[in-house]
Protein backbone atom coordinates (compact mmCIF):
# COMPACT_ATOMS: atom_id res chain seq x y z
CA MET A 1 0.00 0.00 0.00
CA ARG A 2 1.27 3.50 -0.83
CA PRO A 3 1.96 5.72 2.21
CA LEU A 4 -0.93 8.00 3.04
CA PHE A 5 1.27 10.87 4.12
CA TRP A 6 4.27 12.49 2.50
CA ASN A 7 7.63 12.15 4.08
CA LEU A 8 8.05 15.15 6.42
CA GLY A 9 11.60 15.90 5.31
CA ALA A 10 10.66 15.96 1.64
CA THR A 11 7.69 18.21 2.30
CA VAL A 12 9.69 20.73 4.30
CA ALA A 13 12.37 20.67 1.59
CA LEU A 14 9.78 21.52 -1.06
CA LEU A 15 8.50 24.37 1.06
CA GLY A 16 12.07 25.59 1.40
CA VAL A 17 12.45 25.59 -2.37
CA PHE A 18 9.26 27.63 -2.67
CA VAL A 19 10.37 30.17 -0.10
CA GLY A 20 13.85 30.37 -1.66
CA ALA A 21 12.44 30.88 -5.15
CA SER A 22 10.25 33.73 -3.94
CA ALA A 23 13.40 35.48 -2.67
CA HIS A 24 14.71 36.12 -6.18
CA ALA A 25 14.94 39.83 -6.92
CA ALA A 26 15.15 42.01 -10.00
CA PRO A 27 18.53 43.37 -11.15
CA LEU A 28 19.88 46.06 -8.85
CA PHE A 29 21.73 48.99 -10.45
CA ALA A 30 24.20 51.42 -8.95
CA ASP A 31 22.48 54.71 -8.13
CA TRP A 32 25.07 57.25 -9.28
CA GLU A 33 23.26 60.22 -7.80
CA ASN A 34 23.00 58.80 -4.29
CA GLY A 35 26.06 56.53 -4.20
CA THR A 36 24.22 53.31 -3.37
CA LEU A 37 24.06 49.79 -4.74
CA GLY A 38 21.47 48.16 -2.53
CA THR A 39 23.01 48.04 0.95
CA ILE A 40 26.46 48.83 -0.48
CA THR A 41 27.52 52.47 -0.61
CA PHE A 42 30.21 54.02 -2.79
CA VAL A 43 32.04 57.26 -3.46
CA VAL A 44 33.07 58.49 -6.93
CA THR A 45 36.14 60.72 -7.20
CA GLU A 46 36.26 62.47 -10.58
CA THR A 47 39.22 63.95 -12.44
CA GLU A 48 38.02 66.06 -15.37
CA THR A 49 40.92 67.40 -17.44
CA GLU A 50 38.78 67.74 -20.56
CA GLY A 51 35.06 66.95 -20.65
CA PHE A 52 32.81 65.95 -17.75
CA ILE A 53 31.31 62.98 -15.89
CA GLN A 54 27.67 62.91 -14.80
CA PRO A 55 24.82 60.54 -13.86
CA SER A 56 22.60 59.71 -16.81
CA GLU A 57 19.98 57.21 -17.95
CA ASP A 58 19.81 54.79 -20.86
CA THR A 59 16.96 52.91 -22.50
CA ALA A 60 16.99 49.52 -24.20
CA THR A 61 14.70 47.69 -26.62
CA ASP A 62 16.70 44.55 -27.40
CA PRO A 63 14.59 41.72 -25.92
CA VAL A 64 17.59 39.72 -24.67
CA PHE A 65 19.06 42.73 -22.87
CA VAL A 66 15.70 43.85 -21.47
CA ALA A 67 14.95 40.35 -20.14
CA ALA A 68 18.33 40.18 -18.40
CA TYR A 69 18.41 43.74 -17.06
CA ALA A 70 15.77 46.42 -17.76
CA ASP A 71 14.45 48.75 -20.44
CA VAL A 72 15.47 51.86 -18.46
CA PHE A 73 18.55 51.94 -16.24
CA PRO A 74 20.93 54.46 -14.61
CA THR A 75 24.41 55.02 -16.06
CA LEU A 76 27.51 57.07 -15.34
CA GLN A 77 28.26 59.11 -18.46
CA PHE A 78 31.71 60.17 -19.67
CA GLN A 79 31.22 63.11 -22.03
CA SER A 80 33.71 65.03 -24.17
CA GLY A 81 33.57 68.79 -24.62
CA ALA A 82 35.08 70.90 -27.39
CA GLY A 83 37.82 68.37 -28.01
CA PRO A 84 39.07 64.88 -27.12
CA ALA A 85 38.19 63.89 -23.57
CA ASP A 86 40.53 63.11 -20.68
CA LEU A 87 38.41 61.83 -17.79
CA ARG A 88 38.89 59.56 -14.80
CA ALA A 89 36.46 58.11 -12.23
CA GLN A 90 37.73 56.32 -9.13
CA ILE A 91 34.94 54.40 -7.41
CA GLN A 92 35.36 53.11 -3.86
CA PHE A 93 32.74 50.67 -2.53
CA SER A 94 32.01 50.16 1.16
CA GLU A 95 32.54 46.41 0.80
CA PRO A 96 33.55 43.90 -1.91
CA LEU A 97 30.89 43.38 -4.56
CA PRO A 98 29.13 40.01 -4.28
CA LEU A 99 29.58 37.07 -6.60
CA GLY A 100 27.90 37.76 -9.93
CA ALA A 101 28.33 41.55 -9.85
CA GLN A 102 28.86 43.03 -13.31
CA LEU A 103 30.18 46.14 -15.01
CA LEU A 104 28.84 47.12 -18.42
CA ALA A 105 30.51 49.65 -20.73
CA PHE A 106 28.41 51.27 -23.48
CA ASP A 107 28.94 53.23 -26.67
CA LEU A 108 32.54 53.01 -27.81
CA ASP A 109 32.19 54.01 -31.45
CA PHE A 110 34.30 55.07 -34.42
CA ARG A 111 35.73 58.17 -32.70
CA MET A 112 38.54 56.08 -31.18
CA GLU A 113 37.09 56.26 -27.70
CA ILE A 114 38.97 54.22 -25.09
CA PHE A 115 38.02 52.97 -21.62
CA ARG A 116 40.85 51.89 -19.32
CA ILE A 117 39.31 49.78 -16.58
CA ALA A 118 41.26 48.63 -13.52
CA SER A 119 40.26 47.42 -10.06
CA ASP A 120 41.83 46.56 -6.71
CA ILE A 121 41.84 42.88 -7.75
CA GLY A 122 43.32 43.47 -11.21
CA PHE A 123 41.95 43.84 -14.72
CA LEU A 124 38.46 42.54 -15.33
CA THR A 125 37.35 39.55 -17.38
CA LEU A 126 35.24 40.28 -20.45
CA LEU A 127 32.22 37.96 -20.40
CA ALA A 128 30.20 39.03 -23.45
CA GLN A 129 29.30 41.79 -25.88
CA GLY A 130 25.90 42.59 -27.30
CA GLU A 131 23.25 45.11 -28.29
CA THR A 132 20.86 47.22 -26.24
CA GLN A 133 18.61 48.12 -29.18
CA ALA A 134 16.51 45.65 -31.16
CA GLY A 135 18.01 45.04 -34.60
CA GLY A 136 21.31 46.69 -33.71
CA MET A 137 24.42 45.65 -35.67
CA SER A 138 27.31 47.34 -33.88
CA GLN A 139 31.03 47.05 -34.44
CA PHE A 140 32.17 45.85 -31.03
CA PRO A 141 35.23 47.40 -29.36
CA ILE A 142 38.35 45.33 -28.71
CA TYR A 143 39.39 44.45 -25.16
CA ASN A 144 42.98 43.94 -24.06
CA ALA A 145 42.90 41.95 -20.82
CA GLY A 146 46.60 42.66 -20.30
CA ASP A 147 46.14 46.37 -19.65
CA GLY A 148 42.37 46.77 -19.20
CA THR A 149 41.79 48.86 -22.33
CA LEU A 150 38.54 48.68 -24.27
CA THR A 151 39.08 50.41 -27.61
CA SER A 152 36.60 51.31 -30.33
CA VAL A 153 37.30 49.97 -33.83
CA PHE A 154 38.18 52.62 -36.42
CA PRO A 155 36.55 53.32 -38.77
CA GLY A 156 34.08 50.75 -37.51
CA ASN A 157 30.55 50.34 -38.78
CA GLY A 158 29.50 53.96 -38.53
CA ASP A 159 28.30 55.40 -35.24
CA ASN A 160 27.31 52.49 -33.02
CA PRO A 161 26.07 53.87 -29.69
CA PHE A 162 23.97 50.87 -28.79
CA GLU A 163 26.54 48.17 -28.05
CA TYR A 164 27.71 47.01 -24.62
CA SER A 165 30.66 45.08 -23.22
CA LEU A 166 29.99 43.00 -20.10
CA PHE A 167 32.64 42.39 -17.41
CA ASP A 168 32.76 40.27 -14.26
CA ALA A 169 32.98 42.59 -11.24
CA SER A 170 32.72 39.95 -8.51
CA GLY A 171 34.78 40.61 -5.39
CA LEU A 172 36.20 44.01 -6.29
CA SER A 173 36.12 46.89 -3.80
CA SER A 174 37.26 49.72 -6.08
CA LEU A 175 37.32 50.69 -9.75
CA ASP A 176 39.61 53.07 -11.58
CA ILE A 177 38.10 53.99 -14.96
CA ALA A 178 39.66 56.40 -17.46
CA TRP A 179 37.97 57.53 -20.68
CA ILE A 180 39.99 59.29 -23.36
CA ASN A 181 39.72 60.55 -26.94
CA GLY A 182 36.31 60.92 -28.53
CA GLY A 183 35.15 63.67 -30.84
CA VAL A 184 33.21 66.81 -30.10
CA SER A 185 30.24 66.08 -27.83
CA SER A 186 30.75 62.31 -27.91
CA GLY A 187 30.27 60.12 -24.88
CA SER A 188 30.33 56.64 -23.38
CA ARG A 189 28.72 55.18 -20.27
CA ILE A 190 29.15 52.52 -17.60
CA VAL A 191 26.78 50.56 -15.37
CA VAL A 192 27.46 48.52 -12.24
CA VAL A 193 24.73 45.97 -11.56
CA LEU A 194 23.86 42.99 -9.40
CA PRO A 195 21.88 40.88 -11.92
CA ASP A 196 20.11 38.84 -9.22
CA GLY A 197 19.57 41.82 -6.94
CA GLN A 198 20.31 41.74 -3.25
CA PRO A 199 17.24 39.95 -1.88
CA SER A 200 16.17 40.39 1.72
CA PRO A 201 15.02 37.37 3.71
CA VAL A 202 11.46 36.61 2.70
CA PRO A 203 8.99 36.55 5.63
CA LEU A 204 7.38 33.18 6.12
CA PRO A 205 3.67 33.03 5.33
CA ALA A 206 1.47 33.57 8.37
CA GLY A 207 0.18 30.01 8.23
CA PHE A 208 3.58 28.39 7.80
CA PRO A 209 4.01 27.42 11.50
CA LEU A 210 0.57 25.74 11.45
CA VAL A 211 1.54 23.80 8.32
CA VAL A 212 4.73 22.54 9.95
CA SER A 213 2.87 21.69 13.14
CA GLY A 214 0.32 19.69 11.17
CA LEU A 215 3.02 17.83 9.26
CA VAL A 216 4.75 16.93 12.50
CA SER A 217 1.46 15.58 13.87
CA LEU A 218 0.93 13.49 10.74
CA TRP A 219 4.46 12.15 10.98
CA CYS A 220 3.85 11.17 14.61
CA LEU A 221 0.69 9.32 13.59
CA ARG A 222 2.68 7.33 11.05
CA ARG A 223 5.20 6.41 13.72
CA ARG A 224 2.52 5.14 16.19
CA PRO A 225 2.77 1.35 16.62
CA ARG A 226 -0.07 -0.52 14.93
CA ALA A 227 -2.37 -2.73 17.00
CA THR A 228 -1.73 -6.44 16.59
């Protein structure tokens, strides 16, 4: 005869999976205006020899990008002025970024724009490159992992502001990002993101203790010796 009651351990395990699954959060982006990334805080020190650095916002329509991140997201923009830019942002986080943290660099086009990206744990690993706009066909920049430079391809495929380069930012506590060259009024942007968010513990449902209590009672009934 099949057991009338589920095994208690298996049932509690399934409930644990349910509770754990409900803890998944949406991607969490660095807030450049307030210096926060969830519970992590950070300070940006800017050196602006030519051009300027400012918080900005980007939009995306590419379905793959939108599904992984968002259709609107905050960025830190590096913008040239009347001539080639010479900009530097040093970012100090209050604690090491968690496993899975990412840095994305956007819009390195045919103007020979260059990002130099370094961190306290060394140069970053390039994970992927792709588009933020549906139907985009960008000429992707070239990354040199030996010195952390991400360089646009000249002459490239025209102006390609919609591409991104994705880097692993796990474990780093600081970033040192320089942006140079670029034409008049050109610009590039970065994003720091926790793709899985920073979920808080999910409160147990109000009836959860009663469910566990009932399961324990059922388990005890199963363990009661049968009459002979």
